[in-house]
Amino acid sequence: MRNFLVKTLAPYCQFVAEAAEAEAAGALLAERHFDVMILDNMMPGRKGIDWLAEQRSKGGFTDTIMVTAFADLETAIEAMRAGAADFVLKPFRSNQLLNAVRRCIQMAQLRRENMLLRRELESADIGRRRRHQLIGSSPAIVAVRETLSRIKDVTTPVLITGASGTGKEVAARHLHAASNRAGMPFVPINCAAIPSDMIEIELFGHVPGAFPGAKGPREGLLPSAQGGTVFLDEVTELDASAQSALLRVLDDGIVRPVGTERTIQLDLRFVLATSKWLEQEVAEGRFREDLLFRINVVEIRMPPLAKRETDVVELAELFLTEIAARLGLPPLEIDAAARAAMLRYDWPGNIRELRNFIERSLIFGRFPLETLAPVSQDGDQIEPLDQVERRLILRALEAVGGNRSEAARRLGVSRKTIDRKCTAWGI
């Protein structure tokens, strides 16, 4: 029977193993994670139902198809209570078994997607669309896209750095969507939002009774992303214990649910992000140096919005369309004065500040340009000449409502100069 099952399943599976008795099966399960287990109820020494219930109590997550020659209702109920996902009666045809395996895998994927979608709906900002696209045509963002395209299919961990609000998660989603893992889960995890005493439980999962209140087993966020991409945001917020656990996962790709000795082999792509300088965190003893070396193979630094030139206007137009549709408000038109004010402003809060500005503008029906005051500069700081020129011309255009001739007259330059500069800046 085992020989028949192996030959039937081998063409459709990446790996098939067999065991003649419960002890041998337990040893195989301890060595690696299996997606599906086909279990005969009548085994040497003990019943399959009893052994399955024992495995579940120890933290086994493998979906199990119970095979039996006895079609009584009581056996079926016992099998389901023990944790069986499906039930196949002897004698059976090969297509019946293959269909049962297919159902198990599909149900596991649906459960995983359902859990991840619920979690993402709970944490996602309302109205955020196109989160898997890096919007913009500035040289700074084009360079980021080119780097992401170059590394999209490698399994090396990627470190994304940059100030808060620069779009680190969007870059991670862009990378996932362009990769050969695009059809698999993308799991964002905000390390700063999970209590330090719960981080390993959330990441690795747990078995019943692993801690007070753990009534049933739960698959961790890392196993739930099997085959896909895990995005660890603000990775510097992990405590020393969690950093050590993460380093082990990155090194050997294995996790152990809390409360069990059973390990799960993972196939994941890790993308990590931080808004802090990791070298300084290491120097001050808050981040492991060996973990830094492990994750800092490929670093992508997200440019601040002030360095992305006309991307400000492109993003503003996107936010206007999306937020107006969500709030049911009429969209606003970005006139020359608003365009100049947005381009002049430094946006210290980056894309997040721009989005809030657009939402506030839609609510009040106008752009509050008075809030876009120039960011104060350090008196000893020397700006490049082109930045000073850009700021002065945009401020002049804003003051005269976009009238280029009047702006040129006030600045003492020709209209052609203003036109040439505006064309270069995309306004």
Protein backbone atom coordinates (compact mmCIF):
# COMPACT_ATOMS: atom_id res chain seq x y z
CA MET A 1 0.00 0.00 0.00
CA ARG A 2 2.81 2.43 0.88
CA ASN A 3 4.60 1.59 -2.36
CA PHE A 4 1.41 2.31 -4.32
CA LEU A 5 0.88 5.65 -2.55
CA VAL A 6 4.47 6.80 -3.12
CA LYS A 7 4.30 5.98 -6.84
CA THR A 8 0.93 7.71 -7.14
CA LEU A 9 1.99 10.91 -5.36
CA ALA A 10 5.62 11.27 -6.53
CA PRO A 11 4.83 12.88 -9.94
CA TYR A 12 2.76 15.59 -8.24
CA CYS A 13 4.86 16.36 -5.15
CA GLN A 14 8.26 17.89 -4.49
CA PHE A 15 9.05 15.30 -1.84
CA VAL A 16 7.33 12.13 -0.63
CA ALA A 17 8.42 10.04 2.39
CA GLU A 18 6.98 6.86 3.87
CA ALA A 19 6.95 5.27 7.32
CA ALA A 20 5.87 1.77 8.38
CA GLU A 21 4.94 2.68 11.96
CA ALA A 22 4.16 5.63 14.22
CA GLU A 23 7.66 5.96 15.67
CA ALA A 24 9.24 6.20 12.21
CA ALA A 25 6.60 8.72 11.14
CA GLY A 26 7.29 10.82 14.23
CA ALA A 27 11.00 10.85 13.42
CA LEU A 28 10.29 12.08 9.88
CA LEU A 29 7.98 14.82 11.16
CA ALA A 30 10.70 15.94 13.57
CA GLU A 31 13.18 16.31 10.72
CA ARG A 32 11.12 18.50 8.39
CA HIS A 33 7.71 20.04 7.77
CA PHE A 34 5.24 18.16 5.55
CA ASP A 35 2.24 19.86 3.96
CA VAL A 36 0.09 16.70 3.94
CA MET A 37 0.24 13.39 5.83
CA ILE A 38 -1.72 10.28 4.77
CA LEU A 39 -2.35 8.19 7.85
CA ASP A 40 -3.79 4.69 8.12
CA ASN A 41 -5.97 4.23 11.17
CA MET A 42 -4.82 0.63 11.75
CA MET A 43 -1.06 0.69 12.37
CA PRO A 44 1.28 -1.74 14.18
CA GLY A 45 1.04 -1.18 17.90
CA ARG A 46 -1.54 1.63 17.99
CA LYS A 47 -4.44 3.32 16.22
CA GLY A 48 -3.73 6.18 13.85
CA ILE A 49 -6.44 8.35 15.43
CA ASP A 50 -4.78 8.14 18.87
CA TRP A 51 -1.34 8.88 17.44
CA LEU A 52 -2.67 11.85 15.44
CA ALA A 53 -4.29 13.35 18.56
CA GLU A 54 -0.96 13.00 20.36
CA GLN A 55 0.91 14.73 17.52
CA ARG A 56 -1.59 17.60 17.52
CA SER A 57 -1.12 18.09 21.24
CA LYS A 58 2.64 18.36 20.65
CA GLY A 59 2.22 21.09 18.07
CA GLY A 60 1.87 19.26 14.76
CA PHE A 61 0.43 21.51 12.01
CA THR A 62 0.51 18.99 9.14
CA ASP A 63 -2.88 18.50 7.45
CA THR A 64 -3.77 14.81 7.72
CA ILE A 65 -5.86 12.53 5.50
CA MET A 66 -7.14 9.56 7.48
CA VAL A 67 -7.42 6.24 5.62
CA THR A 68 -9.63 3.50 7.05
CA ALA A 69 -11.66 0.49 5.95
CA PHE A 70 -14.38 1.13 8.55
CA ALA A 71 -17.02 3.59 7.40
CA ASP A 72 -18.89 4.03 10.67
CA LEU A 73 -19.87 7.51 11.79
CA GLU A 74 -18.14 7.18 15.17
CA THR A 75 -14.73 6.61 13.55
CA ALA A 76 -15.22 9.61 11.27
CA ILE A 77 -16.12 11.83 14.22
CA GLU A 78 -13.11 10.62 16.21
CA ALA A 79 -10.82 11.31 13.25
CA MET A 80 -12.08 14.87 12.86
CA ARG A 81 -11.76 15.50 16.60
CA ALA A 82 -8.19 14.20 16.47
CA GLY A 83 -7.44 16.80 13.81
CA ALA A 84 -7.88 14.96 10.50
CA ALA A 85 -8.54 17.27 7.55
CA ASP A 86 -10.10 14.61 5.29
CA PHE A 87 -11.31 11.03 5.36
CA VAL A 88 -10.73 8.36 2.65
CA LEU A 89 -12.34 4.91 2.74
CA LYS A 90 -10.68 1.72 1.54
CA PRO A 91 -10.69 0.56 -1.16
CA PHE A 92 -10.04 3.81 -3.06
CA ARG A 93 -8.87 4.84 -6.49
CA SER A 94 -5.74 6.92 -7.11
CA ASN A 95 -7.78 9.91 -8.30
CA GLN A 96 -9.76 9.89 -5.03
CA LEU A 97 -6.55 10.17 -3.05
CA LEU A 98 -5.09 12.85 -5.33
CA ASN A 99 -8.28 14.89 -4.98
CA ALA A 100 -8.08 14.59 -1.20
CA VAL A 101 -4.46 15.81 -1.23
CA ARG A 102 -5.40 18.68 -3.54
CA ARG A 103 -8.25 19.70 -1.22
CA CYS A 104 -5.93 19.68 1.79
CA ILE A 105 -3.40 21.94 0.10
CA GLN A 106 -6.08 24.32 -1.17
CA MET A 107 -7.71 24.56 2.25
CA ALA A 108 -4.34 25.23 3.90
CA GLN A 109 -3.67 28.03 1.42
CA LEU A 110 -7.13 29.50 1.97
CA ARG A 111 -6.71 29.46 5.75
CA ARG A 112 -3.33 31.12 5.45
CA GLU A 113 -4.56 33.80 3.04
CA ASN A 114 -7.62 34.43 5.20
CA MET A 115 -5.50 34.92 8.31
CA LEU A 116 -3.08 37.24 6.51
CA LEU A 117 -5.86 39.27 4.89
CA ARG A 118 -7.63 39.74 8.23
CA ARG A 119 -4.38 40.89 9.79
CA GLU A 120 -3.62 43.25 6.93
CA LEU A 121 -7.13 44.73 7.00
CA GLU A 122 -6.73 45.41 10.69
CA SER A 123 -3.41 47.19 10.26
CA ALA A 124 -3.57 48.75 6.79
CA ASP A 125 -4.27 52.44 6.26
CA ILE A 126 -7.66 52.90 4.63
CA GLY A 127 -7.51 54.02 1.02
CA ARG A 128 -3.93 53.00 0.36
CA ARG A 129 -3.83 51.51 -3.10
CA ARG A 130 -1.06 50.78 -5.54
CA ARG A 131 1.07 49.92 -2.53
CA HIS A 132 3.12 47.57 -4.66
CA GLN A 133 4.21 50.36 -7.04
CA LEU A 134 6.94 52.94 -6.58
CA ILE A 135 5.42 56.06 -8.09
CA GLY A 136 7.66 58.72 -9.61
CA SER A 137 10.07 59.50 -12.43
CA SER A 138 12.81 61.37 -10.55
CA PRO A 139 16.39 60.07 -10.95
CA ALA A 140 16.45 59.13 -7.25
CA ILE A 141 13.41 56.83 -7.44
CA VAL A 142 14.38 55.48 -10.87
CA ALA A 143 17.69 54.36 -9.36
CA VAL A 144 15.82 52.56 -6.55
CA ARG A 145 13.56 50.78 -9.06
CA GLU A 146 16.56 49.68 -11.11
CA THR A 147 18.24 48.21 -8.02
CA LEU A 148 15.06 46.38 -7.01
CA SER A 149 14.74 44.97 -10.52
CA ARG A 150 18.30 43.68 -10.39
CA ILE A 151 17.79 41.77 -7.12
CA LYS A 152 14.14 40.77 -7.51
CA ASP A 153 14.71 37.00 -7.82
CA VAL A 154 17.65 36.43 -5.48
CA THR A 155 17.01 35.02 -2.00
CA THR A 156 19.52 37.28 -0.25
CA PRO A 157 18.01 39.40 2.57
CA VAL A 158 17.44 43.01 1.56
CA LEU A 159 17.82 45.95 3.93
CA ILE A 160 15.80 49.08 3.15
CA THR A 161 16.76 52.20 5.07
CA GLY A 162 15.47 55.76 5.08
CA ALA A 163 13.61 58.30 7.15
CA SER A 164 10.07 57.63 8.34
CA GLY A 165 7.51 58.10 5.58
CA THR A 166 9.87 57.61 2.63
CA GLY A 167 8.05 54.51 1.35
CA LYS A 168 10.11 51.59 2.65
CA GLU A 169 7.13 49.21 2.75
CA VAL A 170 6.07 50.29 -0.74
CA ALA A 171 9.57 49.44 -1.98
CA ALA A 172 9.33 46.02 -0.31
CA ARG A 173 5.94 45.37 -1.94
CA HIS A 174 7.33 46.54 -5.29
CA LEU A 175 10.18 44.04 -4.92
CA HIS A 176 7.79 41.20 -4.03
CA ALA A 177 5.40 41.98 -6.89
CA ALA A 178 8.26 41.98 -9.42
CA SER A 179 9.82 38.75 -8.12
CA ASN A 180 9.14 35.11 -8.88
CA ARG A 181 7.40 34.95 -5.48
CA ALA A 182 4.66 37.38 -6.51
CA GLY A 183 1.96 34.69 -6.37
CA MET A 184 2.86 33.78 -2.79
CA PRO A 185 2.08 35.71 0.44
CA PHE A 186 3.58 39.08 1.35
CA VAL A 187 3.54 39.41 5.13
CA PRO A 188 4.34 42.85 6.63
CA ILE A 189 5.34 42.78 10.31
CA ASN A 190 5.79 45.95 12.34
CA CYS A 191 8.36 44.90 14.93
CA ALA A 192 7.67 48.02 17.02
CA ALA A 193 3.97 47.12 17.38
CA ILE A 194 4.48 43.65 18.88
CA PRO A 195 5.34 43.42 22.62
CA SER A 196 8.78 41.97 23.21
CA ASP A 197 7.38 39.03 25.19
CA MET A 198 5.06 38.11 22.31
CA ILE A 199 7.38 38.50 19.32
CA GLU A 200 8.50 34.86 19.13
CA ILE A 201 4.92 33.64 19.62
CA GLU A 202 3.70 35.89 16.79
CA LEU A 203 6.56 35.01 14.44
CA PHE A 204 6.95 31.29 15.10
CA GLY A 205 3.49 30.21 16.31
CA HIS A 206 2.64 28.08 19.35
CA VAL A 207 1.05 24.84 20.48
CA PRO A 208 -1.83 24.37 22.94
CA GLY A 209 -0.78 25.18 26.48
CA ALA A 210 2.48 26.85 25.44
CA PHE A 211 1.53 29.80 27.67
CA PRO A 212 -1.49 30.81 29.78
CA GLY A 213 -4.48 31.32 27.50
CA ALA A 214 -3.07 29.30 24.57
CA LYS A 215 -6.08 27.04 24.08
CA GLY A 216 -5.33 25.94 20.54
CA PRO A 217 -2.37 25.80 18.16
CA ARG A 218 -1.61 28.80 15.99
CA GLU A 219 0.58 29.05 12.93
CA GLY A 220 3.15 31.83 13.19
CA LEU A 221 3.53 34.72 10.77
CA LEU A 222 6.75 33.30 9.32
CA PRO A 223 5.33 29.82 8.50
CA SER A 224 2.20 31.49 7.11
CA ALA A 225 4.37 33.31 4.54
CA GLN A 226 5.81 30.01 3.21
CA GLY A 227 7.20 30.56 -0.29
CA GLY A 228 6.68 34.31 -0.16
CA THR A 229 8.21 37.46 1.31
CA VAL A 230 8.38 38.63 4.92
CA PHE A 231 8.80 42.37 5.52
CA LEU A 232 10.17 43.19 8.98
CA ASP A 233 9.64 46.91 9.52
CA GLU A 234 11.65 48.77 12.18
CA VAL A 235 13.79 45.71 12.82
CA THR A 236 15.90 47.67 15.34
CA GLU A 237 12.94 47.54 17.75
CA LEU A 238 13.46 43.81 18.32
CA ASP A 239 14.95 43.01 21.71
CA ALA A 240 18.14 40.95 22.16
CA SER A 241 16.30 37.62 22.42
CA ALA A 242 14.25 38.24 19.28
CA GLN A 243 17.34 39.40 17.39
CA SER A 244 19.08 36.15 18.30
CA ALA A 245 16.07 34.12 17.13
CA LEU A 246 15.90 36.08 13.88
CA LEU A 247 19.60 35.46 13.24
CA ARG A 248 19.03 31.70 13.62
CA VAL A 249 16.14 31.82 11.16
CA LEU A 250 18.22 33.75 8.61
CA ASP A 251 21.09 31.29 8.98
CA ASP A 252 19.27 27.96 8.75
CA GLY A 253 15.73 28.82 7.59
CA ILE A 254 14.14 26.83 10.43
CA VAL A 255 11.61 27.94 13.06
CA ARG A 256 10.37 26.11 16.13
CA PRO A 257 6.84 26.92 17.37
CA VAL A 258 6.79 27.94 21.03
CA GLY A 259 6.14 24.99 23.31
CA THR A 260 7.43 22.25 21.01
CA GLU A 261 10.71 20.76 19.82
CA ARG A 262 9.36 20.27 16.31
CA THR A 263 10.93 22.45 13.62
CA ILE A 264 9.50 23.85 10.38
CA GLN A 265 11.71 24.42 7.34
CA LEU A 266 10.94 27.75 5.68
CA ASP A 267 11.29 29.01 2.14
CA LEU A 268 11.16 32.78 2.58
CA ARG A 269 12.59 36.00 1.21
CA PHE A 270 13.36 38.48 4.02
CA VAL A 271 13.14 42.22 3.50
CA LEU A 272 14.05 44.30 6.56
CA ALA A 273 13.66 48.02 7.11
CA THR A 274 14.70 50.65 9.62
CA SER A 275 14.68 54.43 9.93
CA LYS A 276 17.71 54.38 12.24
CA TRP A 277 21.44 54.17 11.52
CA LEU A 278 22.27 50.55 12.23
CA GLU A 279 25.97 51.24 12.76
CA GLN A 280 25.08 53.65 15.57
CA GLU A 281 22.64 51.13 17.06
CA VAL A 282 25.42 48.52 17.06
CA ALA A 283 27.91 50.96 18.62
CA GLU A 284 25.45 51.76 21.42
CA GLY A 285 24.76 48.07 22.09
CA ARG A 286 21.14 48.00 20.95
CA PHE A 287 21.64 45.86 17.85
CA ARG A 288 23.69 42.72 17.28
CA GLU A 289 26.71 43.26 15.06
CA ASP A 290 26.53 39.74 13.60
CA LEU A 291 22.87 40.33 12.68
CA LEU A 292 23.84 43.58 10.95
CA PHE A 293 26.45 41.74 8.88
CA ARG A 294 23.85 39.08 8.01
CA ILE A 295 21.15 41.46 6.79
CA ASN A 296 23.29 44.20 5.27
CA VAL A 297 24.20 42.32 2.08
CA VAL A 298 22.07 44.52 -0.16
CA GLU A 299 21.07 47.93 1.19
CA ILE A 300 18.60 50.25 -0.52
CA ARG A 301 18.32 53.74 0.89
CA MET A 302 15.00 55.43 0.17
CA PRO A 303 15.44 59.10 -0.79
CA PRO A 304 13.53 61.76 1.17
CA LEU A 305 10.66 63.39 -0.68
CA ALA A 306 12.57 66.68 -0.90
CA LYS A 307 15.12 64.93 -3.15
CA ARG A 308 12.51 63.50 -5.52
CA GLU A 309 11.76 66.71 -7.43
CA THR A 310 8.48 66.55 -9.38
CA ASP A 311 7.48 63.22 -7.83
CA VAL A 312 5.80 65.41 -5.20
CA VAL A 313 3.18 66.56 -7.70
CA GLU A 314 2.72 63.07 -9.18
CA LEU A 315 2.12 61.59 -5.73
CA ALA A 316 -0.19 64.47 -4.80
CA GLU A 317 -2.34 63.81 -7.87
CA LEU A 318 -2.53 60.11 -7.01
CA PHE A 319 -3.54 60.86 -3.41
CA LEU A 320 -6.14 63.38 -4.60
CA THR A 321 -7.85 60.75 -6.76
CA GLU A 322 -7.77 57.96 -4.19
CA ILE A 323 -8.70 59.95 -1.09
CA ALA A 324 -11.46 61.89 -2.86
CA ALA A 325 -13.01 58.58 -3.98
CA ARG A 326 -12.79 57.15 -0.47
CA LEU A 327 -14.24 60.21 1.26
CA GLY A 328 -16.82 60.92 -1.44
CA LEU A 329 -15.51 64.46 -1.94
CA PRO A 330 -14.98 66.41 -5.18
CA PRO A 331 -11.32 66.37 -6.27
CA LEU A 332 -9.23 69.52 -6.27
CA GLU A 333 -7.16 70.81 -9.16
CA ILE A 334 -3.50 71.50 -8.46
CA ASP A 335 -3.02 74.97 -9.94
CA ALA A 336 0.30 76.68 -10.61
CA ALA A 337 0.50 78.30 -7.16
CA ALA A 338 -0.21 75.02 -5.34
CA ARG A 339 2.25 73.20 -7.56
CA ALA A 340 4.98 75.73 -6.85
CA ALA A 341 4.30 75.65 -3.10
CA MET A 342 4.47 71.84 -3.00
CA LEU A 343 7.72 71.77 -4.94
CA ARG A 344 9.27 74.47 -2.76
CA TYR A 345 8.41 72.83 0.55
CA ASP A 346 10.92 70.37 2.06
CA TRP A 347 8.36 67.84 3.40
CA PRO A 348 10.20 66.78 6.56
CA GLY A 349 7.49 64.13 7.13
CA ASN A 350 8.02 62.83 3.58
CA ILE A 351 5.24 60.94 1.76
CA ARG A 352 3.16 60.49 4.91
CA GLU A 353 3.09 64.27 5.46
CA LEU A 354 2.14 64.87 1.81
CA ARG A 355 -0.74 62.40 2.05
CA ASN A 356 -2.05 64.05 5.22
CA PHE A 357 -1.78 67.47 3.53
CA ILE A 358 -3.84 66.24 0.56
CA GLU A 359 -6.49 64.68 2.80
CA ARG A 360 -6.75 67.90 4.83
CA SER A 361 -7.05 69.90 1.60
CA LEU A 362 -9.91 67.73 0.33
CA ILE A 363 -11.78 68.01 3.63
CA PHE A 364 -11.63 71.84 3.62
CA GLY A 365 -12.01 72.22 -0.15
CA ARG A 366 -8.78 74.15 -0.70
CA PHE A 367 -5.02 73.75 -0.42
CA PRO A 368 -3.82 75.34 2.87
CA LEU A 369 -0.62 76.65 1.28
CA GLU A 370 0.04 78.84 4.31
CA THR A 371 0.98 75.69 6.22
CA LEU A 372 3.77 74.98 3.75
CA ALA A 373 6.09 77.55 5.25
CA PRO A 374 9.76 77.22 4.36
CA VAL A 375 11.57 74.87 6.74
CA SER A 376 14.02 76.89 8.81
CA GLN A 377 17.64 76.42 7.80
CA ASP A 378 20.69 76.34 10.02
CA GLY A 379 22.45 79.66 9.72
CA ASP A 380 25.81 77.96 9.20
CA GLN A 381 24.50 75.58 6.54
CA ILE A 382 25.39 76.41 2.93
CA GLU A 383 22.90 75.26 0.29
CA PRO A 384 23.85 74.42 -3.30
CA LEU A 385 23.18 77.30 -5.67
CA ASP A 386 20.66 75.38 -7.76
CA GLN A 387 18.55 74.65 -4.66
CA VAL A 388 18.56 78.32 -3.65
CA GLU A 389 17.58 79.30 -7.20
CA ARG A 390 14.80 76.72 -7.31
CA ARG A 391 13.38 77.80 -3.98
CA LEU A 392 13.39 81.51 -4.88
CA ILE A 393 11.74 81.01 -8.29
CA LEU A 394 9.05 78.72 -6.87
CA ARG A 395 8.38 81.15 -4.04
CA ALA A 396 8.02 84.00 -6.55
CA LEU A 397 5.61 81.98 -8.69
CA GLU A 398 3.58 81.13 -5.62
CA ALA A 399 3.41 84.80 -4.60
CA VAL A 400 2.08 85.93 -8.00
CA GLY A 401 -0.34 83.06 -8.52
CA GLY A 402 1.77 81.32 -11.16
CA ASN A 403 2.18 84.38 -13.43
CA ARG A 404 5.58 83.70 -14.97
CA SER A 405 6.02 87.14 -16.52
CA GLU A 406 5.38 88.88 -13.20
CA ALA A 407 7.64 86.43 -11.37
CA ALA A 408 10.43 87.11 -13.90
CA ARG A 409 9.96 90.89 -13.49
CA ARG A 410 10.19 90.69 -9.69
CA LEU A 411 13.25 88.47 -9.79
CA GLY A 412 14.97 90.59 -12.43
CA VAL A 413 15.37 87.76 -14.95
CA SER A 414 13.94 87.05 -18.38
CA ARG A 415 10.67 85.19 -18.96
CA LYS A 416 12.66 82.64 -20.99
CA THR A 417 14.72 81.82 -17.91
CA ILE A 418 11.59 81.16 -15.88
CA ASP A 419 10.09 79.04 -18.67
CA ARG A 420 13.27 76.99 -19.04
CA LYS A 421 13.53 76.34 -15.30
CA CYS A 422 9.84 75.41 -15.00
CA THR A 423 10.14 72.97 -17.90
CA ALA A 424 13.13 71.31 -16.24
CA TRP A 425 11.16 71.01 -12.97
CA GLY A 426 8.04 69.68 -14.69
CA ILE A 427 5.72 72.62 -13.92
